[in-house]
PDB file of N, CA and C in Angstrom:
ATOM      1  N   MET A   1       0.852  -1.180   0.000  1.00  0.00           N
ATOM      2  CA  MET A   1       0.000   0.000   0.000  1.00  0.00           C
ATOM      3  C   MET A   1       0.890   1.234   0.000  1.00  0.00           C
ATOM      4  N   GLN A   2       0.548   2.167  -0.826  1.00  0.00           N
ATOM      5  CA  GLN A   2       1.300   3.413  -0.900  1.00  0.00           C
ATOM      6  C   GLN A   2       0.483   4.540  -0.252  1.00  0.00           C
ATOM      7  N   VAL A   3       1.136   5.285   0.607  1.00  0.00           N
ATOM      8  CA  VAL A   3       0.501   6.443   1.234  1.00  0.00           C
ATOM      9  C   VAL A   3       0.774   7.638   0.333  1.00  0.00           C
ATOM     10  N   ASN A   4      -0.310   8.216  -0.188  1.00  0.00           N
ATOM     11  CA  ASN A   4      -0.151   9.373  -1.063  1.00  0.00           C
ATOM     12  C   ASN A   4      -0.825  10.594  -0.450  1.00  0.00           C
ATOM     13  N   ARG A   5      -0.723  11.712  -1.143  1.00  0.00           N
ATOM     14  CA  ARG A   5      -1.259  12.985  -0.638  1.00  0.00           C
ATOM     15  C   ARG A   5      -2.774  12.903  -0.422  1.00  0.00           C
ATOM     16  N   ASP A   6      -3.482  12.205  -1.347  1.00  0.00           N
ATOM     17  CA  ASP A   6      -4.942  12.094  -1.212  1.00  0.00           C
ATOM     18  C   ASP A   6      -5.329  11.366   0.072  1.00  0.00           C
ATOM     19  N   LEU A   7      -4.594  10.317   0.412  1.00  0.00           N
ATOM     20  CA  LEU A   7      -4.876   9.591   1.655  1.00  0.00           C
ATOM     21  C   LEU A   7      -4.622  10.471   2.870  1.00  0.00           C
ATOM     22  N   ILE A   8      -3.529  11.229   2.840  1.00  0.00           N
ATOM     23  CA  ILE A   8      -3.225  12.129   3.959  1.00  0.00           C
ATOM     24  C   ILE A   8      -4.319  13.177   4.104  1.00  0.00           C
ATOM     25  N   LEU A   9      -4.800  13.737   3.001  1.00  0.00           N
ATOM     26  CA  LEU A   9      -5.879  14.734   3.067  1.00  0.00           C
ATOM     27  C   LEU A   9      -7.162  14.121   3.610  1.00  0.00           C
ATOM     28  N   LYS A  10      -7.456  12.871   3.211  1.00  0.00           N
ATOM     29  CA  LYS A  10      -8.649  12.198   3.725  1.00  0.00           C
ATOM     30  C   LYS A  10      -8.522  11.946   5.227  1.00  0.00           C
ATOM     31  N   LEU A  11      -7.355  11.459   5.662  1.00  0.00           N
ATOM     32  CA  LEU A  11      -7.140  11.225   7.092  1.00  0.00           C
ATOM     33  C   LEU A  11      -7.198  12.528   7.877  1.00  0.00           C
ATOM     34  N   GLU A  12      -6.669  13.592   7.297  1.00  0.00           N
ATOM     35  CA  GLU A  12      -6.708  14.901   7.945  1.00  0.00           C
ATOM     36  C   GLU A  12      -8.152  15.345   8.143  1.00  0.00           C
ATOM     37  N   SER A  13      -8.976  15.136   7.133  1.00  0.00           N
ATOM     38  CA  SER A  13     -10.387  15.513   7.231  1.00  0.00           C
ATOM     39  C   SER A  13     -11.124  14.647   8.255  1.00  0.00           C
ATOM     40  N   LEU A  14     -10.894  13.332   8.208  1.00  0.00           N
ATOM     41  CA  LEU A  14     -11.575  12.432   9.141  1.00  0.00           C
ATOM     42  C   LEU A  14     -11.199  12.711  10.587  1.00  0.00           C
ATOM     43  N   SER A  15      -9.948  13.089  10.812  1.00  0.00           N
ATOM     44  CA  SER A  15      -9.501  13.338  12.181  1.00  0.00           C
ATOM     45  C   SER A  15      -9.689  14.786  12.592  1.00  0.00           C
ATOM     46  N   GLN A  16     -10.256  15.578  11.703  1.00  0.00           N
ATOM     47  CA  GLN A  16     -10.535  16.999  11.961  1.00  0.00           C
ATOM     48  C   GLN A  16      -9.267  17.736  12.380  1.00  0.00           C
ATOM     49  N   LEU A  17      -8.183  17.475  11.634  1.00  0.00           N
ATOM     50  CA  LEU A  17      -6.915  18.162  11.865  1.00  0.00           C
ATOM     51  C   LEU A  17      -6.682  19.174  10.750  1.00  0.00           C
ATOM     52  N   GLU A  18      -5.888  20.163  11.034  1.00  0.00           N
ATOM     53  CA  GLU A  18      -5.461  21.119  10.024  1.00  0.00           C
ATOM     54  C   GLU A  18      -3.940  21.100  10.018  1.00  0.00           C
ATOM     55  N   LEU A  19      -3.366  20.363   9.056  1.00  0.00           N
ATOM     56  CA  LEU A  19      -1.925  20.208   8.983  1.00  0.00           C
ATOM     57  C   LEU A  19      -1.328  21.174   7.971  1.00  0.00           C
ATOM     58  N   SER A  20      -0.118  21.594   8.232  1.00  0.00           N
ATOM     59  CA  SER A  20       0.613  22.391   7.255  1.00  0.00           C
ATOM     60  C   SER A  20       1.160  21.442   6.191  1.00  0.00           C
ATOM     61  N   GLU A  21       1.652  21.997   5.099  1.00  0.00           N
ATOM     62  CA  GLU A  21       2.198  21.151   4.038  1.00  0.00           C
ATOM     63  C   GLU A  21       3.391  20.338   4.550  1.00  0.00           C
ATOM     64  N   GLY A  22       4.215  20.938   5.377  1.00  0.00           N
ATOM     65  CA  GLY A  22       5.342  20.217   5.956  1.00  0.00           C
ATOM     66  C   GLY A  22       4.896  19.082   6.853  1.00  0.00           C
ATOM     67  N   GLU A  23       3.857  19.311   7.640  1.00  0.00           N
ATOM     68  CA  GLU A  23       3.331  18.261   8.516  1.00  0.00           C
ATOM     69  C   GLU A  23       2.720  17.132   7.697  1.00  0.00           C
ATOM     70  N   ARG A  24       2.068  17.486   6.570  1.00  0.00           N
ATOM     71  CA  ARG A  24       1.501  16.451   5.699  1.00  0.00           C
ATOM     72  C   ARG A  24       2.605  15.553   5.133  1.00  0.00           C
ATOM     73  N   GLU A  25       3.700  16.168   4.688  1.00  0.00           N
ATOM     74  CA  GLU A  25       4.805  15.397   4.134  1.00  0.00           C
ATOM     75  C   GLU A  25       5.424  14.495   5.199  1.00  0.00           C
ATOM     76  N   LEU A  26       5.592  15.014   6.406  1.00  0.00           N
ATOM     77  CA  LEU A  26       6.132  14.217   7.506  1.00  0.00           C
ATOM     78  C   LEU A  26       5.190  13.064   7.848  1.00  0.00           C
ATOM     79  N   MET A  27       3.879  13.349   7.897  1.00  0.00           N
ATOM     80  CA  MET A  27       2.881  12.318   8.191  1.00  0.00           C
ATOM     81  C   MET A  27       2.901  11.247   7.106  1.00  0.00           C
ATOM     82  N   GLN A  28       3.008  11.659   5.847  1.00  0.00           N
ATOM     83  CA  GLN A  28       3.053  10.705   4.741  1.00  0.00           C
ATOM     84  C   GLN A  28       4.276   9.806   4.865  1.00  0.00           C
ATOM     85  N   HIS A  29       5.401  10.390   5.165  1.00  0.00           N
ATOM     86  CA  HIS A  29       6.648   9.631   5.336  1.00  0.00           C
ATOM     87  C   HIS A  29       6.531   8.649   6.508  1.00  0.00           C
ATOM     88  N   ASP A  30       6.029   9.121   7.648  1.00  0.00           N
ATOM     89  CA  ASP A  30       5.911   8.267   8.836  1.00  0.00           C
ATOM     90  C   ASP A  30       4.930   7.116   8.607  1.00  0.00           C
ATOM     91  N   LEU A  31       3.772   7.408   8.003  1.00  0.00           N
ATOM     92  CA  LEU A  31       2.783   6.355   7.757  1.00  0.00           C
ATOM     93  C   LEU A  31       3.319   5.327   6.771  1.00  0.00           C
ATOM     94  N   GLN A  32       4.047   5.784   5.759  1.00  0.00           N
ATOM     95  CA  GLN A  32       4.625   4.842   4.797  1.00  0.00           C
ATOM     96  C   GLN A  32       5.650   3.939   5.476  1.00  0.00           C
ATOM     97  N   ASN A  33       6.445   4.497   6.380  1.00  0.00           N
ATOM     98  CA  ASN A  33       7.413   3.678   7.130  1.00  0.00           C
ATOM     99  C   ASN A  33       6.710   2.620   7.972  1.00  0.00           C
ATOM    100  N   ILE A  34       5.601   2.991   8.601  1.00  0.00           N
ATOM    101  CA  ILE A  34       4.845   2.043   9.429  1.00  0.00           C
ATOM    102  C   ILE A  34       4.288   0.916   8.563  1.00  0.00           C
ATOM    103  N   ILE A  35       3.708   1.273   7.425  1.00  0.00           N
ATOM    104  CA  ILE A  35       3.134   0.262   6.535  1.00  0.00           C
ATOM    105  C   ILE A  35       4.228  -0.654   5.985  1.00  0.00           C
ATOM    106  N   ASP A  36       5.377  -0.086   5.630  1.00  0.00           N
ATOM    107  CA  ASP A  36       6.499  -0.904   5.151  1.00  0.00           C
ATOM    108  C   ASP A  36       6.966  -1.883   6.223  1.00  0.00           C
ATOM    109  N   MET A  37       7.009  -1.437   7.485  1.00  0.00           N
ATOM    110  CA  MET A  37       7.431  -2.311   8.580  1.00  0.00           C
ATOM    111  C   MET A  37       6.434  -3.466   8.757  1.00  0.00           C
ATOM    112  N   VAL A  38       5.141  -3.166   8.700  1.00  0.00           N
ATOM    113  CA  VAL A  38       4.129  -4.210   8.840  1.00  0.00           C
ATOM    114  C   VAL A  38       4.221  -5.189   7.679  1.00  0.00           C
ATOM    115  N   ASP A  39       4.470  -4.684   6.461  1.00  0.00           N
ATOM    116  CA  ASP A  39       4.646  -5.573   5.315  1.00  0.00           C
ATOM    117  C   ASP A  39       5.835  -6.509   5.516  1.00  0.00           C
ATOM    118  N   ARG A  40       6.932  -6.001   6.065  1.00  0.00           N
ATOM    119  CA  ARG A  40       8.095  -6.847   6.342  1.00  0.00           C
ATOM    120  C   ARG A  40       7.750  -7.915   7.383  1.00  0.00           C
ATOM    121  N   LEU A  41       6.981  -7.529   8.406  1.00  0.00           N
ATOM    122  CA  LEU A  41       6.573  -8.506   9.422  1.00  0.00           C
ATOM    123  C   LEU A  41       5.680  -9.583   8.821  1.00  0.00           C
ATOM    124  N   ASN A  42       4.834  -9.200   7.874  1.00  0.00           N
ATOM    125  CA  ASN A  42       3.945 -10.181   7.235  1.00  0.00           C
ATOM    126  C   ASN A  42       4.715 -11.195   6.394  1.00  0.00           C
ATOM    127  N   GLU A  43       5.941 -10.878   5.997  1.00  0.00           N
ATOM    128  CA  GLU A  43       6.758 -11.791   5.204  1.00  0.00           C
ATOM    129  C   GLU A  43       7.380 -12.902   6.049  1.00  0.00           C
ATOM    130  N   ILE A  44       7.394 -12.753   7.350  1.00  0.00           N
ATOM    131  CA  ILE A  44       8.016 -13.740   8.237  1.00  0.00           C
ATOM    132  C   ILE A  44       7.133 -14.979   8.328  1.00  0.00           C
ATOM    133  N   ASN A  45       7.744 -16.147   8.154  1.00  0.00           N
ATOM    134  CA  ASN A  45       7.020 -17.406   8.249  1.00  0.00           C
ATOM    135  C   ASN A  45       6.824 -17.753   9.720  1.00  0.00           C
ATOM    136  N   THR A  46       5.592 -17.768  10.164  1.00  0.00           N
ATOM    137  CA  THR A  46       5.289 -18.078  11.564  1.00  0.00           C
ATOM    138  C   THR A  46       4.540 -19.398  11.702  1.00  0.00           C
ATOM    139  N   ASP A  47       4.556 -20.210  10.642  1.00  0.00           N
ATOM    140  CA  ASP A  47       3.872 -21.504  10.706  1.00  0.00           C
ATOM    141  C   ASP A  47       4.475 -22.361  11.817  1.00  0.00           C
ATOM    142  N   GLY A  48       3.621 -22.940  12.641  1.00  0.00           N
ATOM    143  CA  GLY A  48       4.070 -23.834  13.692  1.00  0.00           C
ATOM    144  C   GLY A  48       4.534 -23.134  14.957  1.00  0.00           C
ATOM    145  N   LEU A  49       4.476 -21.831  15.014  1.00  0.00           N
ATOM    146  CA  LEU A  49       4.885 -21.113  16.225  1.00  0.00           C
ATOM    147  C   LEU A  49       3.683 -20.872  17.118  1.00  0.00           C
ATOM    148  N   GLU A  50       3.884 -21.110  18.402  1.00  0.00           N
ATOM    149  CA  GLU A  50       2.823 -20.840  19.374  1.00  0.00           C
ATOM    150  C   GLU A  50       2.686 -19.335  19.576  1.00  0.00           C
ATOM    151  N   PRO A  51       1.468 -18.825  19.682  1.00  0.00           N
ATOM    152  CA  PRO A  51       1.292 -17.397  19.978  1.00  0.00           C
ATOM    153  C   PRO A  51       1.877 -17.055  21.348  1.00  0.00           C
ATOM    154  N   LEU A  52       2.485 -15.899  21.447  1.00  0.00           N
ATOM    155  CA  LEU A  52       3.061 -15.446  22.706  1.00  0.00           C
ATOM    156  C   LEU A  52       1.953 -14.829  23.556  1.00  0.00           C
ATOM    157  N   VAL A  53       1.730 -15.392  24.719  1.00  0.00           N
ATOM    158  CA  VAL A  53       0.685 -14.895  25.605  1.00  0.00           C
ATOM    159  C   VAL A  53       1.276 -13.996  26.680  1.00  0.00           C
ATOM    160  N   HIS A  54       2.434 -14.407  27.216  1.00  0.00           N
ATOM    161  CA  HIS A  54       3.105 -13.640  28.262  1.00  0.00           C
ATOM    162  C   HIS A  54       4.564 -13.453  27.860  1.00  0.00           C
ATOM    163  N   LEU A  55       5.135 -12.329  28.241  1.00  0.00           N
ATOM    164  CA  LEU A  55       6.527 -12.074  27.911  1.00  0.00           C
ATOM    165  C   LEU A  55       7.487 -12.866  28.775  1.00  0.00           C
ATOM    166  N   GLY A  56       7.070 -13.222  29.943  1.00  0.00           N
ATOM    167  CA  GLY A  56       7.948 -13.967  30.848  1.00  0.00           C
ATOM    168  C   GLY A  56       7.220 -15.145  31.445  1.00  0.00           C
ATOM    169  N   THR A  57       7.977 -15.997  32.097  1.00  0.00           N
ATOM    170  CA  THR A  57       7.363 -17.167  32.728  1.00  0.00           C
ATOM    171  C   THR A  57       7.159 -16.951  34.223  1.00  0.00           C
ATOM    172  N   ASP A  58       7.704 -15.866  34.758  1.00  0.00           N
ATOM    173  CA  ASP A  58       7.578 -15.592  36.186  1.00  0.00           C
ATOM    174  C   ASP A  58       6.147 -15.168  36.526  1.00  0.00           C
ATOM    175  N   GLN A  59       5.694 -15.628  37.656  1.00  0.00           N
ATOM    176  CA  GLN A  59       4.391 -15.215  38.151  1.00  0.00           C
ATOM    177  C   GLN A  59       4.560 -13.988  39.038  1.00  0.00           C
ATOM    178  N   SER A  60       3.638 -13.048  38.933  1.00  0.00           N
ATOM    179  CA  SER A  60       3.680 -11.872  39.802  1.00  0.00           C
ATOM    180  C   SER A  60       3.314 -12.275  41.217  1.00  0.00           C
ATOM    181  N   GLN A  61       4.025 -11.687  42.164  1.00  0.00           N
ATOM    182  CA  GLN A  61       3.692 -11.923  43.558  1.00  0.00           C
ATOM    183  C   GLN A  61       2.576 -10.960  43.928  1.00  0.00           C
ATOM    184  N   LEU A  62       1.404 -11.492  44.195  1.00  0.00           N
ATOM    185  CA  LEU A  62       0.259 -10.660  44.513  1.00  0.00           C
ATOM    186  C   LEU A  62       0.156 -10.483  46.017  1.00  0.00           C
ATOM    187  N   ARG A  63      -0.188  -9.273  46.410  1.00  0.00           N
ATOM    188  CA  ARG A  63      -0.395  -9.031  47.830  1.00  0.00           C
ATOM    189  C   ARG A  63      -1.853  -9.315  48.165  1.00  0.00           C
ATOM    190  N   GLU A  64      -2.120  -9.529  49.416  1.00  0.00           N
ATOM    191  CA  GLU A  64      -3.485  -9.769  49.833  1.00  0.00           C
ATOM    192  C   GLU A  64      -4.295  -8.486  49.667  1.00  0.00           C
ATOM    193  N   ASP A  65      -5.494  -8.633  49.183  1.00  0.00           N
ATOM    194  CA  ASP A  65      -6.373  -7.491  48.982  1.00  0.00           C
ATOM    195  C   ASP A  65      -7.061  -7.180  50.310  1.00  0.00           C
ATOM    196  N   ALA A  66      -6.471  -6.228  51.041  1.00  0.00           N
ATOM    197  CA  ALA A  66      -7.008  -5.908  52.362  1.00  0.00           C
ATOM    198  C   ALA A  66      -7.252  -4.406  52.465  1.00  0.00           C
ATOM    199  N   VAL A  67      -8.285  -4.036  53.169  1.00  0.00           N
ATOM    200  CA  VAL A  67      -8.603  -2.632  53.386  1.00  0.00           C
ATOM    201  C   VAL A  67      -7.576  -2.047  54.351  1.00  0.00           C
ATOM    202  N   GLY A  68      -7.019  -0.885  53.961  1.00  0.00           N
ATOM    203  CA  GLY A  68      -6.036  -0.238  54.824  1.00  0.00           C
ATOM    204  C   GLY A  68      -6.625   1.002  55.468  1.00  0.00           C
ATOM    205  N   ASP A  69      -5.739   1.894  55.898  1.00  0.00           N
ATOM    206  CA  ASP A  69      -6.198   3.135  56.515  1.00  0.00           C
ATOM    207  C   ASP A  69      -6.979   3.955  55.504  1.00  0.00           C
ATOM    208  N   GLN A  70      -8.032   4.594  55.975  1.00  0.00           N
ATOM    209  CA  GLN A  70      -8.867   5.395  55.102  1.00  0.00           C
ATOM    210  C   GLN A  70      -9.084   6.761  55.734  1.00  0.00           C
ATOM    211  N   LEU A  71      -9.237   7.763  54.873  1.00  0.00           N
ATOM    212  CA  LEU A  71      -9.593   9.102  55.357  1.00  0.00           C
ATOM    213  C   LEU A  71     -11.094   9.182  55.553  1.00  0.00           C
ATOM    214  N   ASN A  72     -11.489   9.926  56.544  1.00  0.00           N
ATOM    215  CA  ASN A  72     -12.918  10.178  56.635  1.00  0.00           C
ATOM    216  C   ASN A  72     -13.264  11.305  55.657  1.00  0.00           C
ATOM    217  N   ARG A  73     -14.515  11.492  55.388  1.00  0.00           N
ATOM    218  CA  ARG A  73     -14.964  12.445  54.369  1.00  0.00           C
ATOM    219  C   ARG A  73     -14.464  13.855  54.657  1.00  0.00           C
ATOM    220  N   ASN A  74     -14.549  14.321  55.880  1.00  0.00           N
ATOM    221  CA  ASN A  74     -14.140  15.697  56.201  1.00  0.00           C
ATOM    222  C   ASN A  74     -12.649  15.904  55.965  1.00  0.00           C
ATOM    223  N   ASP A  75     -11.818  14.929  56.350  1.00  0.00           N
ATOM    224  CA  ASP A  75     -10.380  15.052  56.117  1.00  0.00           C
ATOM    225  C   ASP A  75     -10.060  15.065  54.622  1.00  0.00           C
ATOM    226  N   ALA A  76     -10.777  14.253  53.851  1.00  0.00           N
ATOM    227  CA  ALA A  76     -10.544  14.198  52.416  1.00  0.00           C
ATOM    228  C   ALA A  76     -10.927  15.517  51.744  1.00  0.00           C
ATOM    229  N   LEU A  77     -11.975  16.162  52.233  1.00  0.00           N
ATOM    230  CA  LEU A  77     -12.450  17.407  51.619  1.00  0.00           C
ATOM    231  C   LEU A  77     -11.703  18.642  52.119  1.00  0.00           C
ATOM    232  N   ASP A  78     -10.886  18.505  53.156  1.00  0.00           N
ATOM    233  CA  ASP A  78     -10.207  19.669  53.729  1.00  0.00           C
ATOM    234  C   ASP A  78      -9.392  20.462  52.720  1.00  0.00           C
ATOM    235  N   ASN A  79      -8.685  19.811  51.831  1.00  0.00           N
ATOM    236  CA  ASN A  79      -7.820  20.508  50.883  1.00  0.00           C
ATOM    237  C   ASN A  79      -8.476  20.783  49.535  1.00  0.00           C
ATOM    238  N   ALA A  80      -9.744  20.461  49.393  1.00  0.00           N
ATOM    239  CA  ALA A  80     -10.431  20.694  48.121  1.00  0.00           C
ATOM    240  C   ALA A  80     -10.661  22.183  47.929  1.00  0.00           C
ATOM    241  N   SER A  81     -10.386  22.656  46.712  1.00  0.00           N
ATOM    242  CA  SER A  81     -10.586  24.084  46.444  1.00  0.00           C
ATOM    243  C   SER A  81     -12.067  24.414  46.285  1.00  0.00           C
ATOM    244  N   VAL A  82     -12.838  23.500  45.685  1.00  0.00           N
ATOM    245  CA  VAL A  82     -14.276  23.714  45.526  1.00  0.00           C
ATOM    246  C   VAL A  82     -14.982  22.455  46.015  1.00  0.00           C
ATOM    247  N   LYS A  83     -15.906  22.621  46.931  1.00  0.00           N
ATOM    248  CA  LYS A  83     -16.595  21.470  47.519  1.00  0.00           C
ATOM    249  C   LYS A  83     -17.926  21.920  48.091  1.00  0.00           C
ATOM    250  N   ASP A  84     -18.780  20.974  48.373  1.00  0.00           N
ATOM    251  CA  ASP A  84     -19.945  21.250  49.189  1.00  0.00           C
ATOM    252  C   ASP A  84     -19.797  20.394  50.444  1.00  0.00           C
ATOM    253  N   GLU A  85     -20.865  20.125  51.163  1.00  0.00           N
ATOM    254  CA  GLU A  85     -20.701  19.409  52.431  1.00  0.00           C
ATOM    255  C   GLU A  85     -20.370  17.928  52.253  1.00  0.00           C
ATOM    256  N   LYS A  86     -20.584  17.368  51.046  1.00  0.00           N
ATOM    257  CA  LYS A  86     -20.341  15.944  50.852  1.00  0.00           C
ATOM    258  C   LYS A  86     -19.369  15.604  49.728  1.00  0.00           C
ATOM    259  N   TYR A  87     -19.229  16.487  48.719  1.00  0.00           N
ATOM    260  CA  TYR A  87     -18.536  16.087  47.502  1.00  0.00           C
ATOM    261  C   TYR A  87     -17.521  17.125  47.024  1.00  0.00           C
ATOM    262  N   PHE A  88     -16.529  16.639  46.250  1.00  0.00           N
ATOM    263  CA  PHE A  88     -15.662  17.537  45.496  1.00  0.00           C
ATOM    264  C   PHE A  88     -16.499  18.083  44.345  1.00  0.00           C
ATOM    265  N   LEU A  89     -16.340  19.334  44.023  1.00  0.00           N
ATOM    266  CA  LEU A  89     -17.041  19.918  42.875  1.00  0.00           C
ATOM    267  C   LEU A  89     -16.009  20.182  41.786  1.00  0.00           C
ATOM    268  N   VAL A  90     -16.287  19.677  40.595  1.00  0.00           N
ATOM    269  CA  VAL A  90     -15.373  19.824  39.462  1.00  0.00           C
ATOM    270  C   VAL A  90     -16.132  20.373  38.269  1.00  0.00           C
ATOM    271  N   PRO A  91     -15.440  21.041  37.334  1.00  0.00           N
ATOM    272  CA  PRO A  91     -16.131  21.551  36.161  1.00  0.00           C
ATOM    273  C   PRO A  91     -16.641  20.412  35.279  1.00  0.00           C
ATOM    274  N   LYS A  92     -17.737  20.668  34.598  1.00  0.00           N
ATOM    275  CA  LYS A  92     -18.299  19.706  33.682  1.00  0.00           C
ATOM    276  C   LYS A  92     -17.371  19.554  32.484  1.00  0.00           C
ATOM    277  N   VAL A  93     -17.060  18.313  32.112  1.00  0.00           N
ATOM    278  CA  VAL A  93     -16.139  18.100  30.994  1.00  0.00           C
ATOM    279  C   VAL A  93     -16.789  17.343  29.830  1.00  0.00           C
ATOM    280  N   ILE A  94     -17.960  16.823  30.011  1.00  0.00           N
ATOM    281  CA  ILE A  94     -18.650  16.091  28.946  1.00  0.00           C
ATOM    282  C   ILE A  94     -19.895  16.861  28.563  1.00  0.00           C
ATOM    283  N   GLU A  95     -20.007  17.134  27.262  1.00  0.00           N
ATOM    284  CA  GLU A  95     -21.171  17.833  26.772  1.00  0.00           C
ATOM    285  C   GLU A  95     -22.034  16.862  25.979  1.00  0.00           C
ATOM    286  N   LYS A  96     -23.321  17.130  25.950  1.00  0.00           N
ATOM    287  CA  LYS A  96     -24.232  16.271  25.178  1.00  0.00           C
ATOM    288  C   LYS A  96     -24.260  16.704  23.741  1.00  0.00           C
TER     289      LYS A  96
END
């Protein structure tokens, strides 16, 4: 697959980006390098190889899941810049 200017313009539109001509050329070069690398990986014969599930054979040492020291509500709210009597107040970040 070849990454050309038309593909970069389409991706720019889909991602709602406004790239400069220099950024488009850099993006085209980088995407082509990624595709070339994946093509090289696809050339490797992996017949008969087991899929890698874990990078190592060591098991993680898990600690016991136990409740530790906890702050009460008033102590937790003491350093809050904006709060009411029960909760931290934060600006709305999701719009409908």
